[in-house]
Amino acid sequence: MLTHGGDGLTVLTRGGGEVAVPGERIAVVDTIGAGDTVNAALLHRLDVHGALSYAAVEALGDGDWRTSCASPPGLPPSRAPGRAPSRRSPRS
């Protein structure tokens, strides 16, 4: 996975494919930890879909990657510094 800041990210698959996931325009409050947050969110989404093993990740198609890398419904578009989003966070 290659992140491109506000322009989204690209997933490089084992088979040589590239899956582009566009970024979402938000009001940025603080970028500290942004990359860590992207990685944590991706791992969480893969876990929710039971895709944490090598075999499961290799079996993911382009649509699966787009779904796993997109913002989940209900996630607030921005937060004040020090308030990390969670699965239970209401949309602001």
N, C-alpha and C. Protein backbone atom coordinates (compact mmCIF):
# COMPACT_ATOMS: atom_id res chain seq x y z
N MET A 1 0.85 -1.16 0.00
CA MET A 1 0.00 0.00 0.00
C MET A 1 0.90 1.23 0.00
N LEU A 2 0.62 2.12 -0.91
CA LEU A 2 1.32 3.40 -1.00
C LEU A 2 0.32 4.50 -0.72
N THR A 3 0.60 5.34 0.26
CA THR A 3 -0.31 6.44 0.54
C THR A 3 0.14 7.68 -0.21
N HIS A 4 -0.83 8.50 -0.60
CA HIS A 4 -0.56 9.71 -1.38
C HIS A 4 -1.16 10.94 -0.71
N GLY A 5 -1.10 10.99 0.61
CA GLY A 5 -1.66 12.12 1.33
C GLY A 5 -3.14 12.28 1.04
N GLY A 6 -3.55 13.48 0.73
CA GLY A 6 -4.95 13.76 0.44
C GLY A 6 -5.45 13.18 -0.86
N ASP A 7 -4.54 12.64 -1.67
CA ASP A 7 -4.94 12.06 -2.96
C ASP A 7 -5.29 10.59 -2.88
N GLY A 8 -5.31 10.02 -1.68
CA GLY A 8 -5.72 8.62 -1.52
C GLY A 8 -4.55 7.67 -1.39
N LEU A 9 -4.74 6.46 -1.91
CA LEU A 9 -3.68 5.46 -1.81
C LEU A 9 -3.77 4.48 -2.98
N THR A 10 -2.70 3.73 -3.14
CA THR A 10 -2.64 2.70 -4.18
C THR A 10 -2.22 1.39 -3.52
N VAL A 11 -2.95 0.33 -3.81
CA VAL A 11 -2.60 -1.01 -3.33
C VAL A 11 -1.93 -1.74 -4.49
N LEU A 12 -0.75 -2.28 -4.25
CA LEU A 12 -0.05 -3.10 -5.24
C LEU A 12 -0.30 -4.55 -4.89
N THR A 13 -0.89 -5.30 -5.81
CA THR A 13 -1.23 -6.69 -5.52
C THR A 13 -0.08 -7.61 -5.92
N ARG A 14 -0.06 -8.81 -5.34
CA ARG A 14 0.99 -9.78 -5.63
C ARG A 14 1.03 -10.13 -7.12
N GLY A 15 -0.12 -10.10 -7.78
CA GLY A 15 -0.18 -10.42 -9.20
C GLY A 15 0.25 -9.29 -10.11
N GLY A 16 0.74 -8.18 -9.55
CA GLY A 16 1.20 -7.06 -10.35
C GLY A 16 0.15 -6.01 -10.62
N GLY A 17 -1.03 -6.16 -10.04
CA GLY A 17 -2.09 -5.18 -10.25
C GLY A 17 -1.93 -3.97 -9.34
N GLU A 18 -2.62 -2.92 -9.72
CA GLU A 18 -2.65 -1.70 -8.91
C GLU A 18 -4.10 -1.30 -8.71
N VAL A 19 -4.48 -1.04 -7.47
CA VAL A 19 -5.83 -0.61 -7.16
C VAL A 19 -5.74 0.79 -6.55
N ALA A 20 -6.29 1.78 -7.23
CA ALA A 20 -6.28 3.15 -6.74
C ALA A 20 -7.55 3.42 -5.93
N VAL A 21 -7.37 3.99 -4.76
CA VAL A 21 -8.49 4.37 -3.91
C VAL A 21 -8.37 5.88 -3.69
N PRO A 22 -9.35 6.65 -4.18
CA PRO A 22 -9.25 8.11 -4.06
C PRO A 22 -9.35 8.58 -2.62
N GLY A 23 -8.74 9.72 -2.36
CA GLY A 23 -8.84 10.34 -1.05
C GLY A 23 -10.17 11.06 -0.92
N GLU A 24 -10.50 11.42 0.28
CA GLU A 24 -11.71 12.19 0.54
C GLU A 24 -11.29 13.57 1.02
N ARG A 25 -11.91 14.60 0.50
CA ARG A 25 -11.60 15.97 0.91
C ARG A 25 -12.20 16.23 2.28
N ILE A 26 -11.35 16.61 3.21
CA ILE A 26 -11.79 16.91 4.57
C ILE A 26 -11.07 18.16 5.06
N ALA A 27 -11.56 18.75 6.12
CA ALA A 27 -10.87 19.85 6.78
C ALA A 27 -9.83 19.24 7.71
N VAL A 28 -8.57 19.39 7.37
CA VAL A 28 -7.49 18.78 8.16
C VAL A 28 -7.22 19.63 9.39
N VAL A 29 -7.20 18.96 10.53
CA VAL A 29 -6.92 19.63 11.80
C VAL A 29 -5.49 19.35 12.21
N ASP A 30 -5.04 18.10 12.03
CA ASP A 30 -3.73 17.68 12.49
C ASP A 30 -3.32 16.44 11.70
N THR A 31 -2.13 16.45 11.09
CA THR A 31 -1.69 15.29 10.30
C THR A 31 -0.78 14.35 11.07
N ILE A 32 -0.48 14.64 12.32
CA ILE A 32 0.39 13.76 13.10
C ILE A 32 -0.27 12.40 13.25
N GLY A 33 0.43 11.35 12.87
CA GLY A 33 -0.08 9.99 12.98
C GLY A 33 -1.01 9.58 11.86
N ALA A 34 -1.11 10.39 10.81
CA ALA A 34 -2.04 10.07 9.71
C ALA A 34 -1.72 8.73 9.06
N GLY A 35 -0.45 8.46 8.79
CA GLY A 35 -0.07 7.19 8.16
C GLY A 35 -0.35 6.00 9.07
N ASP A 36 -0.07 6.16 10.35
CA ASP A 36 -0.37 5.09 11.31
C ASP A 36 -1.87 4.82 11.36
N THR A 37 -2.65 5.88 11.28
CA THR A 37 -4.10 5.73 11.32
C THR A 37 -4.60 4.99 10.09
N VAL A 38 -4.05 5.29 8.92
CA VAL A 38 -4.42 4.60 7.69
C VAL A 38 -4.12 3.11 7.83
N ASN A 39 -2.93 2.77 8.31
CA ASN A 39 -2.56 1.36 8.47
C ASN A 39 -3.46 0.66 9.48
N ALA A 40 -3.75 1.31 10.59
CA ALA A 40 -4.62 0.71 11.61
C ALA A 40 -6.02 0.50 11.07
N ALA A 41 -6.54 1.49 10.33
CA ALA A 41 -7.89 1.37 9.77
C ALA A 41 -7.95 0.23 8.76
N LEU A 42 -6.92 0.10 7.92
CA LEU A 42 -6.90 -0.99 6.95
C LEU A 42 -6.86 -2.35 7.65
N LEU A 43 -6.00 -2.50 8.65
CA LEU A 43 -5.93 -3.76 9.38
C LEU A 43 -7.26 -4.08 10.06
N HIS A 44 -7.91 -3.07 10.60
CA HIS A 44 -9.21 -3.29 11.24
C HIS A 44 -10.22 -3.79 10.21
N ARG A 45 -10.30 -3.13 9.06
CA ARG A 45 -11.26 -3.53 8.03
C ARG A 45 -10.96 -4.93 7.52
N LEU A 46 -9.68 -5.27 7.35
CA LEU A 46 -9.34 -6.63 6.92
C LEU A 46 -9.75 -7.64 7.98
N ASP A 47 -9.55 -7.30 9.25
CA ASP A 47 -9.95 -8.19 10.34
C ASP A 47 -11.47 -8.40 10.35
N VAL A 48 -12.23 -7.32 10.19
CA VAL A 48 -13.69 -7.41 10.17
C VAL A 48 -14.16 -8.36 9.07
N HIS A 49 -13.43 -8.38 7.94
CA HIS A 49 -13.79 -9.23 6.81
C HIS A 49 -13.06 -10.58 6.84
N GLY A 50 -12.38 -10.88 7.95
CA GLY A 50 -11.70 -12.17 8.09
C GLY A 50 -10.57 -12.36 7.10
N ALA A 51 -9.87 -11.29 6.77
CA ALA A 51 -8.83 -11.37 5.74
C ALA A 51 -7.46 -10.97 6.27
N LEU A 52 -7.05 -11.53 7.41
CA LEU A 52 -5.74 -11.22 7.95
C LEU A 52 -4.66 -12.25 7.60
N SER A 53 -5.04 -13.39 7.06
CA SER A 53 -4.02 -14.39 6.70
C SER A 53 -3.44 -14.05 5.33
N TYR A 54 -2.25 -14.57 5.04
CA TYR A 54 -1.64 -14.36 3.72
C TYR A 54 -2.56 -14.85 2.62
N ALA A 55 -3.13 -16.02 2.81
CA ALA A 55 -4.01 -16.59 1.77
C ALA A 55 -5.23 -15.71 1.54
N ALA A 56 -5.82 -15.21 2.61
CA ALA A 56 -7.01 -14.36 2.46
C ALA A 56 -6.67 -13.05 1.77
N VAL A 57 -5.53 -12.45 2.11
CA VAL A 57 -5.11 -11.20 1.48
C VAL A 57 -4.83 -11.43 0.00
N GLU A 58 -4.15 -12.53 -0.33
CA GLU A 58 -3.86 -12.83 -1.73
C GLU A 58 -5.13 -13.07 -2.55
N ALA A 59 -6.19 -13.53 -1.90
CA ALA A 59 -7.43 -13.83 -2.61
C ALA A 59 -8.30 -12.58 -2.83
N LEU A 60 -7.94 -11.45 -2.23
CA LEU A 60 -8.75 -10.25 -2.38
C LEU A 60 -8.70 -9.72 -3.81
N GLY A 61 -9.86 -9.38 -4.34
CA GLY A 61 -9.93 -8.78 -5.66
C GLY A 61 -9.88 -7.27 -5.56
N ASP A 62 -9.87 -6.60 -6.71
CA ASP A 62 -9.80 -5.13 -6.72
C ASP A 62 -10.93 -4.50 -5.92
N GLY A 63 -12.15 -4.99 -6.08
CA GLY A 63 -13.29 -4.44 -5.35
C GLY A 63 -13.15 -4.62 -3.85
N ASP A 64 -12.58 -5.75 -3.44
CA ASP A 64 -12.36 -5.99 -2.01
C ASP A 64 -11.40 -4.95 -1.43
N TRP A 65 -10.34 -4.64 -2.19
CA TRP A 65 -9.37 -3.65 -1.72
C TRP A 65 -10.02 -2.27 -1.64
N ARG A 66 -10.82 -1.93 -2.63
CA ARG A 66 -11.49 -0.62 -2.59
C ARG A 66 -12.39 -0.52 -1.37
N THR A 67 -13.12 -1.60 -1.07
CA THR A 67 -14.00 -1.62 0.10
C THR A 67 -13.20 -1.55 1.39
N SER A 68 -12.09 -2.28 1.45
CA SER A 68 -11.28 -2.31 2.67
C SER A 68 -10.56 -1.00 2.92
N CYS A 69 -10.23 -0.27 1.86
CA CYS A 69 -9.47 0.96 2.02
C CYS A 69 -10.33 2.22 2.08
N ALA A 70 -11.60 2.10 1.74
CA ALA A 70 -12.48 3.27 1.77
C ALA A 70 -12.91 3.57 3.20
N SER A 71 -13.30 4.80 3.45
CA SER A 71 -13.79 5.17 4.77
C SER A 71 -15.08 4.42 5.08
N PRO A 72 -15.18 3.83 6.25
CA PRO A 72 -16.42 3.14 6.61
C PRO A 72 -17.56 4.13 6.82
N PRO A 73 -18.79 3.71 6.57
CA PRO A 73 -19.94 4.58 6.80
C PRO A 73 -19.99 5.02 8.26
N GLY A 74 -20.34 6.27 8.48
CA GLY A 74 -20.48 6.77 9.85
C GLY A 74 -19.21 7.32 10.45
N LEU A 75 -18.09 7.24 9.73
CA LEU A 75 -16.84 7.77 10.28
C LEU A 75 -16.84 9.28 10.11
N PRO A 76 -16.59 10.02 11.18
CA PRO A 76 -16.60 11.48 11.06
C PRO A 76 -15.53 11.95 10.08
N PRO A 77 -15.80 13.00 9.30
CA PRO A 77 -14.82 13.48 8.35
C PRO A 77 -13.62 14.16 8.99
N SER A 78 -13.74 14.67 10.19
CA SER A 78 -12.60 15.29 10.86
C SER A 78 -12.82 15.24 12.36
N ARG A 79 -11.72 15.39 13.07
CA ARG A 79 -11.75 15.34 14.54
C ARG A 79 -10.79 16.40 15.08
N ALA A 80 -11.04 16.84 16.27
CA ALA A 80 -10.10 17.74 16.94
C ALA A 80 -8.87 16.93 17.34
N PRO A 81 -7.70 17.56 17.44
CA PRO A 81 -6.49 16.83 17.85
C PRO A 81 -6.71 16.09 19.17
N GLY A 82 -6.15 14.90 19.26
CA GLY A 82 -6.24 14.13 20.48
C GLY A 82 -7.50 13.29 20.62
N ARG A 83 -8.40 13.37 19.66
CA ARG A 83 -9.64 12.58 19.72
C ARG A 83 -9.65 11.64 18.54
N ALA A 84 -9.16 10.45 18.73
CA ALA A 84 -9.11 9.47 17.65
C ALA A 84 -10.49 8.96 17.31
N PRO A 85 -10.78 8.74 16.02
CA PRO A 85 -12.08 8.18 15.64
C PRO A 85 -12.18 6.72 16.05
N SER A 86 -13.38 6.26 16.22
CA SER A 86 -13.59 4.85 16.53
C SER A 86 -14.76 4.35 15.72
N ARG A 87 -14.96 3.04 15.72
CA ARG A 87 -16.07 2.45 14.98
C ARG A 87 -17.41 2.97 15.48
N ARG A 88 -17.47 3.35 16.74
CA ARG A 88 -18.72 3.80 17.33
C ARG A 88 -18.91 5.32 17.26
N SER A 89 -17.96 6.04 16.65
CA SER A 89 -18.07 7.50 16.59
C SER A 89 -19.23 7.91 15.70
N PRO A 90 -20.08 8.80 16.18
CA PRO A 90 -21.17 9.29 15.33
C PRO A 90 -20.62 10.24 14.27
N ARG A 91 -21.32 10.33 13.17
CA ARG A 91 -20.90 11.26 12.11
C ARG A 91 -21.09 12.68 12.63
N SER A 92 -20.08 13.52 12.45
CA SER A 92 -20.15 14.90 12.92
C SER A 92 -21.02 15.72 12.01
